[in-house]
Protein backbone atom coordinates (compact mmCIF):
# COMPACT_ATOMS: atom_id res chain seq x y z
CA UNK A 1 36.25 -10.87 6.93
CA UNK A 2 38.77 -9.13 4.64
CA UNK A 3 38.86 -6.03 6.85
CA UNK A 4 41.99 -6.05 9.08
CA UNK A 5 40.16 -3.89 11.66
CA UNK A 6 37.70 -6.05 13.60
CA UNK A 7 34.50 -4.65 15.03
CA UNK A 8 32.32 -6.04 17.81
CA UNK A 9 29.13 -5.08 19.60
CA UNK A 10 28.01 -5.98 23.08
CA UNK A 11 24.63 -5.27 24.65
CA UNK A 12 24.02 -3.74 28.07
CA UNK A 13 23.25 -7.09 29.68
CA UNK A 14 27.02 -7.71 29.79
CA UNK A 15 27.81 -4.31 31.33
CA UNK A 16 29.14 -3.94 34.88
CA UNK A 17 27.94 -0.31 34.96
CA UNK A 18 24.22 -1.12 35.14
CA UNK A 19 21.94 -3.89 36.38
CA UNK A 20 19.56 -6.18 34.55
CA UNK A 21 16.79 -4.72 36.69
CA UNK A 22 17.43 -1.27 35.24
CA UNK A 23 17.45 -2.64 31.69
CA UNK A 24 14.12 -4.40 32.26
CA UNK A 25 12.56 -1.30 33.85
CA UNK A 26 13.53 0.75 30.80
CA UNK A 27 11.95 -1.90 28.56
CA UNK A 28 8.70 -1.90 30.57
CA UNK A 29 8.50 1.90 30.36
CA UNK A 30 9.19 1.84 26.61
CA UNK A 31 6.66 -0.94 26.05
CA UNK A 32 3.93 1.04 27.81
CA UNK A 33 4.59 3.95 25.41
CA UNK A 34 4.38 1.57 22.43
CA UNK A 35 0.88 0.60 23.57
CA UNK A 36 0.00 4.30 23.40
CA UNK A 37 1.38 4.56 19.86
CA UNK A 38 4.75 6.18 20.73
CA UNK A 39 7.68 4.02 19.56
CA UNK A 40 10.50 6.46 20.28
CA UNK A 41 11.48 5.07 23.70
CA UNK A 42 11.45 1.51 22.37
CA UNK A 43 13.61 2.63 19.47
CA UNK A 44 16.17 4.13 21.90
CA UNK A 45 16.05 1.00 24.11
CA UNK A 46 16.66 -1.30 21.13
CA UNK A 47 19.57 0.82 19.89
CA UNK A 48 21.31 1.55 23.18
CA UNK A 49 20.47 -1.38 25.46
CA UNK A 50 20.37 -4.24 22.96
CA UNK A 51 22.87 -2.79 20.50
CA UNK A 52 20.54 -3.69 17.63
CA UNK A 53 19.31 -1.77 14.60
CA UNK A 54 15.73 -0.53 14.93
CA UNK A 55 13.41 -1.63 12.16
CA UNK A 56 10.32 0.49 11.57
CA UNK A 57 7.21 -1.66 11.19
CA UNK A 58 4.88 0.64 9.28
CA UNK A 59 2.28 -0.21 6.67
CA UNK A 60 3.87 -1.82 3.63
CA UNK A 61 3.17 -4.21 0.76
CA UNK A 62 5.23 -7.29 -0.13
CA UNK A 63 6.65 -7.02 -3.65
CA UNK A 64 7.02 -10.82 -3.98
CA UNK A 65 3.29 -11.29 -3.37
CA UNK A 66 2.42 -8.94 -6.24
CA UNK A 67 5.10 -10.40 -8.50
CA UNK A 68 3.83 -13.95 -7.98
CA UNK A 69 0.20 -13.08 -8.69
CA UNK A 70 0.89 -11.74 -12.18
CA UNK A 71 -1.37 -13.21 -14.84
CA UNK A 72 -1.07 -13.81 -18.56
CA UNK A 73 -3.06 -11.41 -20.75
CA UNK A 74 -4.37 -13.02 -23.94
CA UNK A 75 -4.43 -9.56 -25.55
CA UNK A 76 -2.94 -6.12 -25.05
CA UNK A 77 -5.97 -4.84 -23.10
CA UNK A 78 -8.24 -7.24 -21.16
CA UNK A 79 -11.92 -7.23 -22.04
CA UNK A 80 -13.03 -5.75 -18.69
CA UNK A 81 -11.08 -2.51 -19.20
CA UNK A 82 -13.25 0.53 -19.93
CA UNK A 83 -10.73 3.40 -19.90
CA UNK A 84 -6.97 3.96 -20.02
CA UNK A 85 -4.99 6.59 -18.13
CA UNK A 86 -1.25 7.24 -17.94
CA UNK A 87 1.37 8.68 -15.65
CA UNK A 88 4.68 10.20 -16.83
CA UNK A 89 7.72 10.69 -14.60
CA UNK A 90 10.35 13.17 -15.79
CA UNK A 91 14.01 12.34 -15.15
CA UNK A 92 17.14 14.06 -16.48
CA UNK A 93 17.84 11.35 -19.07
CA UNK A 94 14.46 9.69 -19.65
CA UNK A 95 10.71 9.57 -19.30
CA UNK A 96 9.18 6.66 -17.43
CA UNK A 97 5.56 5.92 -18.30
CA UNK A 98 2.82 3.63 -17.07
CA UNK A 99 -0.50 3.02 -18.82
CA UNK A 100 -3.24 1.65 -16.54
CA UNK A 101 -6.59 0.18 -17.52
CA UNK A 102 -9.66 0.76 -15.36
CA UNK A 103 -12.80 -1.33 -15.12
CA UNK A 104 -15.99 -1.24 -13.06
CA UNK A 105 -15.59 -0.04 -9.45
CA UNK A 106 -11.89 0.84 -9.76
CA UNK A 107 -10.66 -2.63 -10.67
CA UNK A 108 -7.39 -1.94 -12.49
CA UNK A 109 -5.05 -3.63 -14.97
CA UNK A 110 -1.43 -2.72 -15.58
CA UNK A 111 -1.15 -2.36 -19.37
CA UNK A 112 2.32 -1.03 -20.19
CA UNK A 113 5.38 0.13 -18.27
CA UNK A 114 8.07 1.72 -20.42
CA UNK A 115 11.00 4.13 -20.45
CA UNK A 116 12.05 6.52 -23.22
CA UNK A 117 15.72 7.52 -23.01
CA UNK A 118 17.27 10.62 -24.53
CA UNK A 119 18.35 14.22 -24.06
CA UNK A 120 15.43 16.21 -22.65
CA UNK A 121 17.00 19.40 -24.02
CA UNK A 122 16.37 18.14 -27.56
CA UNK A 123 13.11 17.73 -29.46
CA UNK A 124 13.38 14.03 -30.37
CA UNK A 125 12.56 12.52 -26.97
CA UNK A 126 9.54 14.84 -26.57
CA UNK A 127 8.27 13.74 -29.99
CA UNK A 128 8.71 10.09 -28.95
CA UNK A 129 6.74 10.76 -25.76
CA UNK A 130 3.96 12.39 -27.77
CA UNK A 131 3.85 9.37 -30.09
CA UNK A 132 3.65 6.99 -27.13
CA UNK A 133 0.77 8.90 -25.53
CA UNK A 134 -1.07 9.14 -28.89
CA UNK A 135 -1.05 5.41 -29.61
CA UNK A 136 -4.04 3.10 -29.32
CA UNK A 137 -4.19 -0.15 -27.35
CA UNK A 138 -6.19 -3.11 -28.61
CA UNK A 139 -8.66 -5.53 -27.03
CA UNK A 140 -9.13 -9.12 -28.16
CA UNK A 141 -12.21 -8.23 -30.22
CA UNK A 142 -10.30 -5.52 -32.08
CA UNK A 143 -11.68 -2.58 -30.08
CA UNK A 144 -9.05 0.15 -29.80
CA UNK A 145 -8.70 2.38 -26.74
CA UNK A 146 -6.82 5.65 -26.43
CA UNK A 147 -5.47 7.17 -23.24
CA UNK A 148 -8.24 9.42 -21.91
CA UNK A 149 -6.07 11.41 -19.50
CA UNK A 150 -2.38 11.72 -18.58
CA UNK A 151 -0.69 13.24 -15.54
CA UNK A 152 2.90 14.35 -16.08
CA UNK A 153 5.34 15.21 -13.29
CA UNK A 154 6.56 18.80 -13.57
CA UNK A 155 9.28 18.52 -10.92
CA UNK A 156 12.98 18.36 -11.71
CA UNK A 157 15.03 20.44 -14.13
CA UNK A 158 12.58 20.69 -17.05
CA UNK A 159 9.62 22.51 -15.55
CA UNK A 160 8.95 24.95 -18.40
CA UNK A 161 9.29 22.23 -21.03
CA UNK A 162 6.71 20.10 -19.21
CA UNK A 163 4.40 23.11 -18.93
CA UNK A 164 4.66 23.84 -22.66
CA UNK A 165 4.25 20.18 -23.61
CA UNK A 166 1.08 19.79 -21.54
CA UNK A 167 -0.44 23.14 -22.56
CA UNK A 168 -0.15 22.20 -26.23
CA UNK A 169 -1.98 18.94 -25.48
CA UNK A 170 -4.72 20.31 -23.25
CA UNK A 171 -7.39 19.01 -25.63
CA UNK A 172 -6.01 15.48 -25.14
CA UNK A 173 -6.13 15.90 -21.35
CA UNK A 174 -2.38 15.79 -20.82
CA UNK A 175 -1.89 17.70 -17.57
CA UNK A 176 1.07 18.84 -15.50
CA UNK A 177 1.07 17.82 -11.85
CA UNK A 178 3.21 18.68 -8.86
CA UNK A 179 3.37 16.41 -5.83
CA UNK A 180 2.91 17.74 -2.32
CA UNK A 181 3.41 15.68 0.84
CA UNK A 182 1.39 15.73 4.04
CA UNK A 183 -1.53 13.68 5.31
CA UNK A 184 -3.73 16.79 5.30
CA UNK A 185 -3.24 17.47 1.56
CA UNK A 186 -6.19 16.16 -0.53
CA UNK A 187 -5.33 13.73 -3.31
CA UNK A 188 -6.59 15.95 -6.13
CA UNK A 189 -8.23 19.35 -6.40
CA UNK A 190 -9.00 21.89 -9.10
CA UNK A 191 -5.94 23.18 -10.99
CA UNK A 192 -4.40 26.62 -11.16
CA UNK A 193 -2.89 28.35 -14.17
CA UNK A 194 -0.66 30.62 -12.10
CA UNK A 195 2.58 29.56 -13.76
CA UNK A 196 4.92 30.98 -16.39
CA UNK A 197 3.21 29.18 -19.28
CA UNK A 198 -0.39 29.35 -18.07
CA UNK A 199 -1.01 25.61 -18.30
CA UNK A 200 -3.43 23.91 -15.87
CA UNK A 201 -1.32 22.57 -12.97
CA UNK A 202 -2.76 20.07 -10.51
CA UNK A 203 -1.32 19.82 -7.00
CA UNK A 204 -1.31 16.13 -6.13
CA UNK A 205 -1.54 14.98 -2.49
CA UNK A 206 0.97 12.16 -2.90
CA UNK A 207 0.56 10.79 0.65
CA UNK A 208 -3.20 10.45 0.24
CA UNK A 209 -2.65 8.80 -3.14
CA UNK A 210 -0.16 6.28 -1.74
CA UNK A 211 -2.50 5.38 1.10
CA UNK A 212 -5.31 4.71 -1.39
CA UNK A 213 -3.02 2.73 -3.68
CA UNK A 214 -1.65 0.50 -0.90
CA UNK A 215 -5.19 -0.27 0.22
CA UNK A 216 -5.95 -1.44 -3.31
CA UNK A 217 -2.70 -3.40 -3.65
CA UNK A 218 -3.56 -5.36 -0.49
CA UNK A 219 -7.03 -6.20 -1.82
CA UNK A 220 -7.00 -10.02 -2.09
CA UNK A 221 -9.92 -10.83 -4.40
CA UNK A 222 -10.58 -9.97 -8.03
CA UNK A 223 -13.34 -7.41 -8.38
CA UNK A 224 -13.75 -3.83 -7.12
CA UNK A 225 -10.42 -2.15 -6.27
CA UNK A 226 -8.33 -5.21 -7.18
CA UNK A 227 -5.04 -4.57 -9.05
CA UNK A 228 -4.11 -6.92 -11.93
CA UNK A 229 -0.61 -7.12 -13.40
CA UNK A 230 0.51 -8.88 -16.60
CA UNK A 231 3.17 -11.57 -16.82
CA UNK A 232 3.64 -10.84 -20.55
CA UNK A 233 7.28 -9.84 -20.90
CA UNK A 234 6.61 -7.05 -23.41
CA UNK A 235 4.36 -5.27 -20.89
CA UNK A 236 7.38 -4.40 -18.72
CA UNK A 237 6.21 -5.60 -15.29
CA UNK A 238 9.39 -7.27 -14.03
CA UNK A 239 10.87 -7.74 -10.55
CA UNK A 240 12.28 -4.20 -10.46
CA UNK A 241 8.85 -2.76 -11.20
CA UNK A 242 7.32 -4.41 -8.13
CA UNK A 243 10.31 -3.52 -5.98
CA UNK A 244 9.78 0.11 -6.95
CA UNK A 245 5.98 -0.06 -6.57
CA UNK A 246 6.35 -1.25 -2.95
CA UNK A 247 9.52 0.71 -2.16
CA UNK A 248 7.94 2.85 0.56
CA UNK A 249 6.12 2.20 3.81
CA UNK A 250 3.81 4.26 5.96
CA UNK A 251 5.15 4.94 9.46
CA UNK A 252 4.11 7.02 12.46
CA UNK A 253 6.58 9.58 13.76
CA UNK A 254 6.24 11.78 16.83
CA UNK A 255 7.06 15.45 16.29
CA UNK A 256 6.56 18.07 18.94
CA UNK A 257 4.37 15.69 20.91
CA UNK A 258 2.11 14.87 17.94
CA UNK A 259 1.89 11.68 15.92
CA UNK A 260 2.56 12.30 12.23
CA UNK A 261 2.05 9.76 9.43
CA UNK A 262 4.91 9.80 6.92
CA UNK A 263 6.06 7.74 3.95
CA UNK A 264 9.64 6.46 3.98
CA UNK A 265 11.84 4.26 1.79
CA UNK A 266 11.82 0.67 3.09
CA UNK A 267 15.32 -0.23 1.92
CA UNK A 268 17.93 2.50 2.01
CA UNK A 269 19.91 0.59 -0.62
CA UNK A 270 17.07 0.78 -3.14
CA UNK A 271 15.42 4.15 -3.68
CA UNK A 272 13.90 3.73 -7.15
CA UNK A 273 10.27 4.56 -6.38
CA UNK A 274 9.25 5.67 -9.90
CA UNK A 275 6.69 2.84 -10.32
CA UNK A 276 4.95 3.97 -7.11
CA UNK A 277 4.83 7.57 -8.29
CA UNK A 278 3.59 6.60 -11.73
CA UNK A 279 0.71 4.49 -10.46
CA UNK A 280 -0.17 7.48 -8.26
CA UNK A 281 -0.15 9.77 -11.31
CA UNK A 282 -2.26 7.38 -13.41
CA UNK A 283 -4.78 7.15 -10.56
CA UNK A 284 -4.92 10.95 -10.35
CA UNK A 285 -5.53 11.06 -14.12
CA UNK A 286 -8.57 8.84 -13.59
CA UNK A 287 -9.90 11.19 -10.91
CA UNK A 288 -9.43 14.17 -13.23
CA UNK A 289 -11.10 12.49 -16.22
CA UNK A 290 -13.86 11.30 -13.85
CA UNK A 291 -15.47 8.68 -16.14
CA UNK A 292 -18.34 6.40 -15.16
CA UNK A 293 -16.74 3.10 -14.15
CA UNK A 294 -19.79 0.98 -14.86
CA UNK A 295 -20.21 -1.48 -17.68
CA UNK A 296 -22.61 -0.20 -20.33
CA UNK A 297 -25.61 -2.21 -21.42
CA UNK A 298 -25.34 -3.64 -24.94
CA UNK A 299 -26.27 -0.88 -27.40
CA UNK A 300 -26.57 1.80 -24.71
CA UNK A 301 -24.92 5.15 -25.34
CA UNK A 302 -22.01 5.99 -23.04
CA UNK A 303 -22.76 8.80 -20.64
CA UNK A 304 -20.70 11.16 -18.57
CA UNK A 305 -20.91 11.57 -14.85
CA UNK A 306 -22.64 14.83 -13.86
CA UNK A 307 -20.77 17.49 -11.97
CA UNK A 308 -17.43 17.10 -13.77
CA UNK A 309 -14.38 18.92 -12.51
CA UNK A 310 -14.01 22.44 -13.91
CA UNK A 311 -10.42 22.75 -15.08
CA UNK A 312 -10.48 26.50 -15.60
CA UNK A 313 -13.24 28.96 -16.33
CA UNK A 314 -10.78 30.88 -18.47
CA UNK A 315 -10.13 28.09 -20.96
């Protein structure tokens, strides 16, 4: 209203240069293509004939639904949790970290979402990150759990520092990862050490990971694959977390006559997708650690799953 220059839009139905019959015929043609999975003609029709903004449907998750189903944890780590993994996202001025608890059959519990701010060119923030990843988390009966595996993003402007940090903590299963898009890229595969520092580097199929995560986020009932989130304020799972966790949607694009599945930001005004990336990294850490997600019988010795991933025959 405060702009002195007024703008208007008018759709083709008011035009004297075409007929309603032509507009309807274009719609029918576009609608037939939609039934075949091609939305491009309908997108053009909506933009040019109706003068409206096209909204991609795509596969998405509602952040309000996840926010409203948060639950109060009576302790730091719920009783059902068997293992903890973590994901670390590297930014220019901070680390963002999520610790996730895993129970039988991939039921998961958000444990802690935190950020550590500082100058990544100095030593202090790296020491604080090491302290965070070394801490223990406590169950109601006093049992303490450590993080069994961590995946740390090596993208950005601090690649060599991440490589050195993870190599020095190989025995604690702190690994560098690098995301790669594309529906054909597997979620996780054996690492390479072909980098300047010689640290194990995992290539993470981020699209495959997001697809798996969104399937789990939409799971409605507690049990296998269900995702729990805490309402406890100190855990860090606020509105912005869920907005970031659900910030992308899966859409189908047509390129060179082929349908291609891609992931795109839902809201161009909000592009903070760190929570989504971090849950992806923590899930990859679970796949790398490869523990047995079955509850042990009372007094039984824990056992490892056979056929564990070989990180490197040279280490």
